[in-house]
PDB file of N, CA and C in Angstrom:
ATOM      1  N   MET A   1       0.891  -1.040   0.060  1.00  0.00           N
ATOM      2  CA  MET A   1       0.225   0.190   0.099  1.00  0.00           C
ATOM      3  C   MET A   1       0.736   1.475   0.161  1.00  0.00           C
ATOM      4  N   ALA A   2       2.439   1.024   0.392  1.00  0.00           N
ATOM      5  CA  ALA A   2       2.696   2.453   0.156  1.00  0.00           C
ATOM      6  C   ALA A   2       2.787   2.933  -1.135  1.00  0.00           C
ATOM      7  N   GLY A   3       3.006   4.161  -0.678  1.00  0.00           N
ATOM      8  CA  GLY A   3       3.366   5.108  -1.880  1.00  0.00           C
ATOM      9  C   GLY A   3       1.861   5.501  -2.881  1.00  0.00           C
ATOM     10  N   ILE A   4       0.585   4.522  -2.317  1.00  0.00           N
ATOM     11  CA  ILE A   4      -0.774   5.181  -2.992  1.00  0.00           C
ATOM     12  C   ILE A   4      -1.294   6.578  -2.646  1.00  0.00           C
ATOM     13  N   TYR A   5      -0.723   7.017  -1.623  1.00  0.00           N
ATOM     14  CA  TYR A   5      -1.234   8.944  -1.539  1.00  0.00           C
ATOM     15  C   TYR A   5      -0.373   9.473  -2.505  1.00  0.00           C
ATOM     16  N   LEU A   6       0.943   9.176  -3.160  1.00  0.00           N
ATOM     17  CA  LEU A   6       1.815   9.945  -4.000  1.00  0.00           C
ATOM     18  C   LEU A   6       1.700   9.710  -5.440  1.00  0.00           C
ATOM     19  N   GLY A   7       0.679   8.399  -4.976  1.00  0.00           N
ATOM     20  CA  GLY A   7       0.464   7.837  -6.841  1.00  0.00           C
ATOM     21  C   GLY A   7      -1.064   8.604  -7.279  1.00  0.00           C
ATOM     22  N   ALA A   8      -1.644   8.741  -5.983  1.00  0.00           N
ATOM     23  CA  ALA A   8      -3.036   9.664  -6.332  1.00  0.00           C
ATOM     24  C   ALA A   8      -3.185  11.131  -6.599  1.00  0.00           C
ATOM     25  N   LEU A   9      -2.128  11.924  -5.773  1.00  0.00           N
ATOM     26  CA  LEU A   9      -1.409  12.899  -6.023  1.00  0.00           C
ATOM     27  C   LEU A   9      -0.983  13.773  -7.253  1.00  0.00           C
ATOM     28  N   LEU A  10       0.097  12.449  -7.779  1.00  0.00           N
ATOM     29  CA  LEU A  10       0.442  12.220  -9.353  1.00  0.00           C
ATOM     30  C   LEU A  10      -0.927  12.495 -10.752  1.00  0.00           C
ATOM     31  N   VAL A  11      -1.395  11.328 -10.029  1.00  0.00           N
ATOM     32  CA  VAL A  11      -2.398  10.915 -11.681  1.00  0.00           C
ATOM     33  C   VAL A  11      -3.555  12.219 -11.118  1.00  0.00           C
ATOM     34  N   SER A  12      -4.176  13.104 -10.264  1.00  0.00           N
ATOM     35  CA  SER A  12      -4.987  13.782  -9.566  1.00  0.00           C
ATOM     36  C   SER A  12      -4.270  15.207 -10.578  1.00  0.00           C
ATOM     37  N   THR A  13      -2.778  15.142 -10.195  1.00  0.00           N
ATOM     38  CA  THR A  13      -2.134  16.531 -11.177  1.00  0.00           C
ATOM     39  C   THR A  13      -2.186  16.182 -12.648  1.00  0.00           C
ATOM     40  N   ALA A  14      -2.486  15.318 -13.183  1.00  0.00           N
ATOM     41  CA  ALA A  14      -2.422  14.639 -14.095  1.00  0.00           C
ATOM     42  C   ALA A  14      -3.579  14.802 -15.039  1.00  0.00           C
ATOM     43  N   GLY A  15      -4.979  14.735 -14.131  1.00  0.00           N
ATOM     44  CA  GLY A  15      -5.761  15.369 -14.376  1.00  0.00           C
ATOM     45  C   GLY A  15      -5.900  16.783 -14.500  1.00  0.00           C
ATOM     46  N   ILE A  16      -5.609  17.687 -13.577  1.00  0.00           N
ATOM     47  CA  ILE A  16      -5.838  18.646 -14.092  1.00  0.00           C
ATOM     48  C   ILE A  16      -5.103  19.475 -14.971  1.00  0.00           C
ATOM     49  N   ALA A  17      -3.874  18.761 -14.972  1.00  0.00           N
ATOM     50  CA  ALA A  17      -2.912  19.612 -16.010  1.00  0.00           C
ATOM     51  C   ALA A  17      -4.000  19.063 -17.404  1.00  0.00           C
ATOM     52  N   ALA A  18      -4.606  17.533 -17.258  1.00  0.00           N
ATOM     53  CA  ALA A  18      -4.830  17.881 -18.959  1.00  0.00           C
ATOM     54  C   ALA A  18      -6.359  19.041 -19.144  1.00  0.00           C
ATOM     55  N   LEU A  19      -6.941  19.139 -18.437  1.00  0.00           N
ATOM     56  CA  LEU A  19      -8.112  20.204 -18.421  1.00  0.00           C
ATOM     57  C   LEU A  19      -7.201  21.671 -18.759  1.00  0.00           C
ATOM     58  N   ASP A  20      -5.979  21.484 -17.843  1.00  0.00           N
ATOM     59  CA  ASP A  20      -5.432  22.534 -18.586  1.00  0.00           C
ATOM     60  C   ASP A  20      -5.709  23.017 -19.873  1.00  0.00           C
ATOM     61  N   TRP A  21      -4.530  22.114 -20.183  1.00  0.00           N
ATOM     62  CA  TRP A  21      -4.131  22.047 -21.700  1.00  0.00           C
ATOM     63  C   TRP A  21      -5.542  22.005 -22.435  1.00  0.00           C
ATOM     64  N   ARG A  22      -6.568  20.945 -22.359  1.00  0.00           N
ATOM     65  CA  ARG A  22      -7.592  21.545 -23.278  1.00  0.00           C
ATOM     66  C   ARG A  22      -8.257  22.075 -23.428  1.00  0.00           C
ATOM     67  N   PHE A  23      -8.479  23.417 -22.124  1.00  0.00           N
ATOM     68  CA  PHE A  23      -9.168  24.771 -22.387  1.00  0.00           C
ATOM     69  C   PHE A  23      -7.979  25.677 -21.693  1.00  0.00           C
ATOM     70  N   ARG A  24      -6.570  25.187 -22.094  1.00  0.00           N
ATOM     71  CA  ARG A  24      -5.465  26.156 -22.065  1.00  0.00           C
ATOM     72  C   ARG A  24      -5.968  27.474 -21.018  1.00  0.00           C
ATOM     73  N   LEU A  25      -6.006  27.366 -19.413  1.00  0.00           N
ATOM     74  CA  LEU A  25      -5.973  27.847 -18.499  1.00  0.00           C
ATOM     75  C   LEU A  25      -5.240  28.515 -17.599  1.00  0.00           C
ATOM     76  N   ALA A  26      -4.248  28.276 -17.713  1.00  0.00           N
ATOM     77  CA  ALA A  26      -2.794  28.254 -17.120  1.00  0.00           C
ATOM     78  C   ALA A  26      -1.758  28.198 -17.640  1.00  0.00           C
ATOM     79  N   LEU A  27      -1.132  26.789 -17.463  1.00  0.00           N
ATOM     80  CA  LEU A  27       0.629  26.329 -17.433  1.00  0.00           C
ATOM     81  C   LEU A  27       0.437  26.575 -19.059  1.00  0.00           C
ATOM     82  N   TRP A  28      -0.402  26.490 -19.975  1.00  0.00           N
ATOM     83  CA  TRP A  28      -0.538  25.956 -21.354  1.00  0.00           C
ATOM     84  C   TRP A  28      -0.911  27.966 -21.823  1.00  0.00           C
ATOM     85  N   ARG A  29      -1.164  28.492 -21.147  1.00  0.00           N
ATOM     86  CA  ARG A  29      -1.597  30.101 -21.447  1.00  0.00           C
ATOM     87  C   ARG A  29      -0.368  30.787 -21.297  1.00  0.00           C
ATOM     88  N   ARG A  30       0.018  30.782 -19.905  1.00  0.00           N
ATOM     89  CA  ARG A  30       1.616  31.184 -19.355  1.00  0.00           C
ATOM     90  C   ARG A  30       1.845  30.563 -18.518  1.00  0.00           C
ATOM     91  N   PRO A  31       2.931  29.874 -19.168  1.00  0.00           N
ATOM     92  CA  PRO A  31       4.014  28.943 -18.478  1.00  0.00           C
ATOM     93  C   PRO A  31       4.489  29.560 -16.911  1.00  0.00           C
ATOM     94  N   GLY A  32       5.804  30.579 -17.283  1.00  0.00           N
ATOM     95  CA  GLY A  32       6.435  31.071 -16.874  1.00  0.00           C
ATOM     96  C   GLY A  32       5.509  31.777 -15.402  1.00  0.00           C
ATOM     97  N   THR A  33       4.217  32.294 -15.630  1.00  0.00           N
ATOM     98  CA  THR A  33       3.511  33.122 -14.309  1.00  0.00           C
ATOM     99  C   THR A  33       3.134  31.522 -13.864  1.00  0.00           C
ATOM    100  N   THR A  34       2.681  30.570 -14.755  1.00  0.00           N
ATOM    101  CA  THR A  34       2.094  29.790 -13.372  1.00  0.00           C
ATOM    102  C   THR A  34       2.970  29.028 -12.978  1.00  0.00           C
ATOM    103  N   LEU A  35       4.010  28.809 -13.755  1.00  0.00           N
ATOM    104  CA  LEU A  35       5.588  27.735 -12.586  1.00  0.00           C
ATOM    105  C   LEU A  35       5.989  28.432 -11.506  1.00  0.00           C
ATOM    106  N   LEU A  36       5.405  30.219 -11.657  1.00  0.00           N
ATOM    107  CA  LEU A  36       6.473  30.962 -10.698  1.00  0.00           C
ATOM    108  C   LEU A  36       5.333  31.270  -9.340  1.00  0.00           C
ATOM    109  N   VAL A  37       3.907  31.325  -9.942  1.00  0.00           N
ATOM    110  CA  VAL A  37       2.982  31.162  -8.511  1.00  0.00           C
ATOM    111  C   VAL A  37       2.811  29.918  -8.224  1.00  0.00           C
ATOM    112  N   VAL A  38       2.989  29.113  -8.838  1.00  0.00           N
ATOM    113  CA  VAL A  38       3.021  27.513  -7.525  1.00  0.00           C
ATOM    114  C   VAL A  38       4.451  27.467  -7.030  1.00  0.00           C
ATOM    115  N   ALA A  39       5.424  27.427  -7.349  1.00  0.00           N
ATOM    116  CA  ALA A  39       6.601  27.490  -6.650  1.00  0.00           C
ATOM    117  C   ALA A  39       5.989  28.572  -5.175  1.00  0.00           C
ATOM    118  N   ILE A  40       5.274  29.974  -5.673  1.00  0.00           N
ATOM    119  CA  ILE A  40       5.442  30.479  -4.451  1.00  0.00           C
ATOM    120  C   ILE A  40       4.415  30.466  -4.052  1.00  0.00           C
ATOM    121  N   GLY A  41       3.652  29.676  -4.378  1.00  0.00           N
ATOM    122  CA  GLY A  41       2.405  28.804  -3.310  1.00  0.00           C
ATOM    123  C   GLY A  41       3.360  27.736  -2.597  1.00  0.00           C
ATOM    124  N   THR A  42       3.661  27.173  -2.852  1.00  0.00           N
ATOM    125  CA  THR A  42       4.633  25.884  -2.574  1.00  0.00           C
ATOM    126  C   THR A  42       5.112  26.377  -1.286  1.00  0.00           C
ATOM    127  N   ALA A  43       6.236  27.158  -1.778  1.00  0.00           N
ATOM    128  CA  ALA A  43       6.713  27.843  -0.672  1.00  0.00           C
ATOM    129  C   ALA A  43       6.321  28.348   0.207  1.00  0.00           C
ATOM    130  N   PHE A  44       5.322  29.211  -0.108  1.00  0.00           N
ATOM    131  CA  PHE A  44       4.818  29.638   1.511  1.00  0.00           C
ATOM    132  C   PHE A  44       3.957  28.336   2.611  1.00  0.00           C
ATOM    133  N   PHE A  45       3.572  27.417   1.929  1.00  0.00           N
ATOM    134  CA  PHE A  45       3.011  26.655   2.713  1.00  0.00           C
ATOM    135  C   PHE A  45       4.171  25.784   2.886  1.00  0.00           C
ATOM    136  N   LEU A  46       4.821  25.138   2.745  1.00  0.00           N
ATOM    137  CA  LEU A  46       6.286  24.788   3.280  1.00  0.00           C
ATOM    138  C   LEU A  46       6.259  25.686   4.587  1.00  0.00           C
ATOM    139  N   VAL A  47       6.998  26.576   4.274  1.00  0.00           N
ATOM    140  CA  VAL A  47       7.082  27.858   5.526  1.00  0.00           C
ATOM    141  C   VAL A  47       6.029  27.415   6.739  1.00  0.00           C
ATOM    142  N   TRP A  48       4.538  28.037   5.874  1.00  0.00           N
ATOM    143  CA  TRP A  48       3.386  27.323   7.036  1.00  0.00           C
ATOM    144  C   TRP A  48       3.920  26.079   7.991  1.00  0.00           C
ATOM    145  N   ASP A  49       3.607  25.080   7.224  1.00  0.00           N
ATOM    146  CA  ASP A  49       3.435  23.696   7.077  1.00  0.00           C
ATOM    147  C   ASP A  49       5.185  23.828   8.515  1.00  0.00           C
ATOM    148  N   ALA A  50       6.180  24.200   8.408  1.00  0.00           N
ATOM    149  CA  ALA A  50       7.728  24.544   9.011  1.00  0.00           C
ATOM    150  C   ALA A  50       7.307  25.169  10.540  1.00  0.00           C
ATOM    151  N   VAL A  51       6.459  26.079  10.238  1.00  0.00           N
ATOM    152  CA  VAL A  51       5.712  26.705  11.471  1.00  0.00           C
ATOM    153  C   VAL A  51       5.177  25.615  12.385  1.00  0.00           C
ATOM    154  N   GLY A  52       4.303  25.222  11.815  1.00  0.00           N
ATOM    155  CA  GLY A  52       3.221  24.108  12.075  1.00  0.00           C
ATOM    156  C   GLY A  52       4.063  22.995  13.310  1.00  0.00           C
ATOM    157  N   ILE A  53       5.210  22.540  12.737  1.00  0.00           N
ATOM    158  CA  ILE A  53       5.685  21.462  13.187  1.00  0.00           C
ATOM    159  C   ILE A  53       6.665  22.095  14.054  1.00  0.00           C
ATOM    160  N   ALA A  54       7.867  23.105  14.457  1.00  0.00           N
ATOM    161  CA  ALA A  54       8.321  23.551  15.276  1.00  0.00           C
ATOM    162  C   ALA A  54       7.485  23.666  16.838  1.00  0.00           C
ATOM    163  N   THR A  55       6.326  24.304  16.397  1.00  0.00           N
ATOM    164  CA  THR A  55       5.134  24.575  17.274  1.00  0.00           C
ATOM    165  C   THR A  55       4.185  23.297  17.541  1.00  0.00           C
ATOM    166  N   GLY A  56       4.556  22.281  17.331  1.00  0.00           N
ATOM    167  CA  GLY A  56       3.804  20.821  17.694  1.00  0.00           C
ATOM    168  C   GLY A  56       2.770  20.744  17.379  1.00  0.00           C
ATOM    169  N   VAL A  57       1.840  21.697  16.307  1.00  0.00           N
ATOM    170  CA  VAL A  57       0.927  21.338  15.488  1.00  0.00           C
ATOM    171  C   VAL A  57       0.610  20.414  15.003  1.00  0.00           C
ATOM    172  N   PHE A  58       1.618  20.554  13.775  1.00  0.00           N
ATOM    173  CA  PHE A  58       1.538  19.629  13.052  1.00  0.00           C
ATOM    174  C   PHE A  58       2.165  17.973  13.257  1.00  0.00           C
ATOM    175  N   VAL A  59       1.990  16.940  13.520  1.00  0.00           N
ATOM    176  CA  VAL A  59       2.540  15.554  13.515  1.00  0.00           C
ATOM    177  C   VAL A  59       1.795  14.871  11.758  1.00  0.00           C
ATOM    178  N   LYS A  60       3.597  14.410  12.125  1.00  0.00           N
ATOM    179  CA  LYS A  60       3.162  13.210  10.797  1.00  0.00           C
ATOM    180  C   LYS A  60       1.956  11.982  10.985  1.00  0.00           C
ATOM    181  N   GLY A  61       2.288  11.323  11.917  1.00  0.00           N
ATOM    182  CA  GLY A  61       1.022  10.466  11.729  1.00  0.00           C
ATOM    183  C   GLY A  61       1.600   9.327  11.727  1.00  0.00           C
ATOM    184  N   ASP A  62       0.975   7.678  11.513  1.00  0.00           N
ATOM    185  CA  ASP A  62       1.431   6.952  11.156  1.00  0.00           C
ATOM    186  C   ASP A  62       0.017   6.768   9.783  1.00  0.00           C
ATOM    187  N   SER A  63       0.784   6.156   8.131  1.00  0.00           N
ATOM    188  CA  SER A  63      -0.022   5.847   7.606  1.00  0.00           C
ATOM    189  C   SER A  63       0.936   4.839   6.298  1.00  0.00           C
ATOM    190  N   PRO A  64       0.037   3.940   6.671  1.00  0.00           N
ATOM    191  CA  PRO A  64       0.743   3.059   5.626  1.00  0.00           C
ATOM    192  C   PRO A  64       0.432   3.030   4.202  1.00  0.00           C
ATOM    193  N   LEU A  65      -0.099   4.408   3.536  1.00  0.00           N
ATOM    194  CA  LEU A  65       0.159   5.440   2.413  1.00  0.00           C
ATOM    195  C   LEU A  65       1.036   6.008   1.851  1.00  0.00           C
ATOM    196  N   LEU A  66       1.362   6.405   2.889  1.00  0.00           N
ATOM    197  CA  LEU A  66       2.814   7.664   2.596  1.00  0.00           C
ATOM    198  C   LEU A  66       4.382   6.672   2.100  1.00  0.00           C
ATOM    199  N   ILE A  67       4.976   6.950   1.494  1.00  0.00           N
ATOM    200  CA  ILE A  67       6.620   6.052   1.246  1.00  0.00           C
ATOM    201  C   ILE A  67       7.178   5.650   2.271  1.00  0.00           C
ATOM    202  N   GLY A  68       7.077   6.828   3.415  1.00  0.00           N
ATOM    203  CA  GLY A  68       7.997   6.443   4.231  1.00  0.00           C
ATOM    204  C   GLY A  68       8.911   7.839   4.090  1.00  0.00           C
ATOM    205  N   TRP A  69       9.695   8.128   2.832  1.00  0.00           N
ATOM    206  CA  TRP A  69      10.813   8.938   3.193  1.00  0.00           C
ATOM    207  C   TRP A  69      10.014  10.645   4.130  1.00  0.00           C
ATOM    208  N   ASP A  70      11.043  11.402   4.607  1.00  0.00           N
ATOM    209  CA  ASP A  70      10.502  12.618   4.986  1.00  0.00           C
ATOM    210  C   ASP A  70      11.982  13.077   4.754  1.00  0.00           C
ATOM    211  N   LEU A  71      11.437  14.430   4.471  1.00  0.00           N
ATOM    212  CA  LEU A  71      12.049  15.681   3.984  1.00  0.00           C
ATOM    213  C   LEU A  71      12.692  16.079   5.376  1.00  0.00           C
ATOM    214  N   ALA A  72      12.143  16.036   7.086  1.00  0.00           N
ATOM    215  CA  ALA A  72      12.179  16.036   7.548  1.00  0.00           C
ATOM    216  C   ALA A  72      11.369  16.216   8.800  1.00  0.00           C
ATOM    217  N   PRO A  73      11.539  16.026  10.107  1.00  0.00           N
ATOM    218  CA  PRO A  73      10.593  15.777  10.823  1.00  0.00           C
ATOM    219  C   PRO A  73       9.304  16.055  10.518  1.00  0.00           C
ATOM    220  N   HIS A  74       8.561  15.103  10.653  1.00  0.00           N
ATOM    221  CA  HIS A  74       7.435  15.382  10.460  1.00  0.00           C
ATOM    222  C   HIS A  74       6.584  16.104   9.101  1.00  0.00           C
ATOM    223  N   LEU A  75       7.692  15.816   8.033  1.00  0.00           N
ATOM    224  CA  LEU A  75       7.278  16.462   6.507  1.00  0.00           C
ATOM    225  C   LEU A  75       7.563  15.619   5.522  1.00  0.00           C
ATOM    226  N   PRO A  76       6.675  14.880   5.333  1.00  0.00           N
ATOM    227  CA  PRO A  76       7.100  13.677   4.065  1.00  0.00           C
ATOM    228  C   PRO A  76       6.887  13.717   2.873  1.00  0.00           C
ATOM    229  N   ILE A  77       7.825  13.413   1.800  1.00  0.00           N
ATOM    230  CA  ILE A  77       8.305  13.790   0.861  1.00  0.00           C
ATOM    231  C   ILE A  77       6.557  13.649   0.293  1.00  0.00           C
ATOM    232  N   GLU A  78       5.542  13.562   0.255  1.00  0.00           N
ATOM    233  CA  GLU A  78       4.594  13.785  -0.163  1.00  0.00           C
ATOM    234  C   GLU A  78       4.081  14.882   0.199  1.00  0.00           C
ATOM    235  N   GLU A  79       4.749  15.771   1.174  1.00  0.00           N
ATOM    236  CA  GLU A  79       3.333  17.364   1.444  1.00  0.00           C
ATOM    237  C   GLU A  79       3.992  18.175   0.396  1.00  0.00           C
ATOM    238  N   PRO A  80       5.384  17.955   0.359  1.00  0.00           N
ATOM    239  CA  PRO A  80       5.602  19.464  -1.237  1.00  0.00           C
ATOM    240  C   PRO A  80       4.803  19.014  -2.687  1.00  0.00           C
ATOM    241  N   VAL A  81       4.206  17.860  -2.563  1.00  0.00           N
ATOM    242  CA  VAL A  81       3.853  17.801  -3.930  1.00  0.00           C
ATOM    243  C   VAL A  81       2.303  17.849  -3.677  1.00  0.00           C
ATOM    244  N   PHE A  82       1.684  17.752  -2.641  1.00  0.00           N
ATOM    245  CA  PHE A  82       0.528  18.143  -2.494  1.00  0.00           C
ATOM    246  C   PHE A  82       0.297  19.211  -2.659  1.00  0.00           C
ATOM    247  N   LEU A  83       1.080  20.344  -1.617  1.00  0.00           N
ATOM    248  CA  LEU A  83       1.354  21.835  -1.695  1.00  0.00           C
ATOM    249  C   LEU A  83       1.198  22.093  -3.025  1.00  0.00           C
ATOM    250  N   ALA A  84       2.382  21.481  -3.774  1.00  0.00           N
ATOM    251  CA  ALA A  84       2.508  21.929  -5.656  1.00  0.00           C
ATOM    252  C   ALA A  84       1.298  21.817  -6.010  1.00  0.00           C
ATOM    253  N   PHE A  85       0.161  20.048  -5.656  1.00  0.00           N
ATOM    254  CA  PHE A  85      -0.868  20.323  -6.527  1.00  0.00           C
ATOM    255  C   PHE A  85      -2.103  20.987  -5.930  1.00  0.00           C
ATOM    256  N   LEU A  86      -1.785  21.606  -5.098  1.00  0.00           N
ATOM    257  CA  LEU A  86      -2.993  22.325  -4.068  1.00  0.00           C
ATOM    258  C   LEU A  86      -2.708  23.600  -4.988  1.00  0.00           C
ATOM    259  N   SER A  87      -1.501  24.632  -5.466  1.00  0.00           N
ATOM    260  CA  SER A  87      -1.342  26.068  -5.577  1.00  0.00           C
ATOM    261  C   SER A  87      -1.593  25.600  -7.414  1.00  0.00           C
ATOM    262  N   TYR A  88      -1.000  24.205  -7.838  1.00  0.00           N
ATOM    263  CA  TYR A  88      -1.778  24.727  -9.273  1.00  0.00           C
ATOM    264  C   TYR A  88      -3.400  24.418  -9.509  1.00  0.00           C
ATOM    265  N   LEU A  89      -4.039  23.725  -8.667  1.00  0.00           N
ATOM    266  CA  LEU A  89      -5.314  23.817  -8.483  1.00  0.00           C
ATOM    267  C   LEU A  89      -5.832  24.582  -8.266  1.00  0.00           C
ATOM    268  N   ALA A  90      -5.479  25.579  -7.482  1.00  0.00           N
ATOM    269  CA  ALA A  90      -6.042  26.588  -7.487  1.00  0.00           C
ATOM    270  C   ALA A  90      -5.891  27.617  -8.392  1.00  0.00           C
ATOM    271  N   ILE A  91      -4.938  27.676  -9.042  1.00  0.00           N
ATOM    272  CA  ILE A  91      -4.806  28.346 -10.286  1.00  0.00           C
ATOM    273  C   ILE A  91      -5.264  28.205 -11.674  1.00  0.00           C
ATOM    274  N   VAL A  92      -5.816  26.741 -11.605  1.00  0.00           N
ATOM    275  CA  VAL A  92      -6.430  26.003 -12.377  1.00  0.00           C
ATOM    276  C   VAL A  92      -8.168  26.527 -12.473  1.00  0.00           C
ATOM    277  N   VAL A  93      -8.667  26.665 -11.317  1.00  0.00           N
ATOM    278  CA  VAL A  93      -9.606  26.718 -10.542  1.00  0.00           C
ATOM    279  C   VAL A  93     -10.799  28.569 -10.998  1.00  0.00           C
ATOM    280  N   PHE A  94      -9.059  29.083 -10.435  1.00  0.00           N
ATOM    281  CA  PHE A  94      -9.066  30.372 -10.429  1.00  0.00           C
ATOM    282  C   PHE A  94      -9.492  31.181 -12.148  1.00  0.00           C
ATOM    283  N   ALA A  95      -8.694  30.425 -13.565  1.00  0.00           N
ATOM    284  CA  ALA A  95      -8.711  30.874 -14.704  1.00  0.00           C
ATOM    285  C   ALA A  95      -9.876  30.505 -15.159  1.00  0.00           C
ATOM    286  N   ALA A  96     -10.144  29.096 -14.768  1.00  0.00           N
ATOM    287  CA  ALA A  96     -12.224  28.788 -15.097  1.00  0.00           C
ATOM    288  C   ALA A  96     -12.647  29.436 -14.646  1.00  0.00           C
ATOM    289  N   VAL A  97     -13.290  30.147 -13.558  1.00  0.00           N
ATOM    290  CA  VAL A  97     -13.989  30.895 -12.528  1.00  0.00           C
ATOM    291  C   VAL A  97     -13.867  32.247 -13.864  1.00  0.00           C
ATOM    292  N   GLU A  98     -12.855  32.834 -13.910  1.00  0.00           N
ATOM    293  CA  GLU A  98     -12.280  34.048 -14.384  1.00  0.00           C
ATOM    294  C   GLU A  98     -13.077  33.560 -15.767  1.00  0.00           C
ATOM    295  N   ARG A  99     -12.536  32.986 -16.428  1.00  0.00           N
ATOM    296  CA  ARG A  99     -12.725  32.877 -18.269  1.00  0.00           C
ATOM    297  C   ARG A  99     -14.785  32.889 -18.065  1.00  0.00           C
ATOM    298  N   ARG A 100     -15.070  31.804 -17.093  1.00  0.00           N
ATOM    299  CA  ARG A 100     -16.676  31.944 -17.422  1.00  0.00           C
ATOM    300  C   ARG A 100     -17.553  33.424 -17.024  1.00  0.00           C
ATOM    301  N   ALA A 101     -16.820  34.201 -15.773  1.00  0.00           N
ATOM    302  CA  ALA A 101     -17.433  35.023 -15.760  1.00  0.00           C
ATOM    303  C   ALA A 101     -17.159  36.153 -17.152  1.00  0.00           C
ATOM    304  N   ASP A 102     -16.363  36.445 -17.236  1.00  0.00           N
ATOM    305  CA  ASP A 102     -16.026  37.128 -18.324  1.00  0.00           C
ATOM    306  C   ASP A 102     -16.633  36.576 -19.901  1.00  0.00           C
ATOM    307  N   ARG A 103     -16.657  35.363 -19.839  1.00  0.00           N
ATOM    308  CA  ARG A 103     -17.952  34.736 -20.815  1.00  0.00           C
ATOM    309  C   ARG A 103     -19.631  35.618 -20.281  1.00  0.00           C
ATOM    310  N   ARG A 104     -19.800  35.782 -19.021  1.00  0.00           N
ATOM    311  CA  ARG A 104     -21.302  35.877 -18.928  1.00  0.00           C
ATOM    312  C   ARG A 104     -20.918  37.526 -19.077  1.00  0.00           C
ATOM    313  N   ALA A 105     -19.630  38.337 -18.706  1.00  0.00           N
ATOM    314  CA  ALA A 105     -20.310  39.600 -19.169  1.00  0.00           C
ATOM    315  C   ALA A 105     -20.332  40.162 -20.504  1.00  0.00           C
ATOM    316  N   ALA A 106     -19.777  39.560 -20.742  1.00  0.00           N
ATOM    317  CA  ALA A 106     -19.659  39.683 -22.335  1.00  0.00           C
ATOM    318  C   ALA A 106     -20.841  39.055 -23.257  1.00  0.00           C
ATOM    319  N   THR A 107     -21.920  38.209 -22.827  1.00  0.00           N
ATOM    320  CA  THR A 107     -23.093  38.198 -23.276  1.00  0.00           C
ATOM    321  C   THR A 107     -24.322  38.851 -22.905  1.00  0.00           C
ATOM    322  N   ARG A 108     -24.116  39.679 -22.199  1.00  0.00           N
ATOM    323  CA  ARG A 108     -25.253  40.620 -21.106  1.00  0.00           C
ATOM    324  C   ARG A 108     -25.080  41.839 -22.182  1.00  0.00           C
TER     325      ARG A 108
END
């Protein structure tokens, strides 16, 4: 069962990337900006995690779904992958909502 969580994250990222590619919402529309925003979002949330870990708010816990590799105490390798996925998903959803709003405004 080890690695299922990481696999699910990668499959989910591929699905969002396919939608992004199909509708040219973020990465295939403005790749530099998208990658920069994903990097900034991931870094911000990693700092957030580090503060939470240092204060004892966040702990890793035991799960057979994790690979078992830690970047730091209580910071599994899956965490930055999840944070990058979360940032990318937010950008794609924002771009989709913005495009829909623009189209609705144009029809009025």
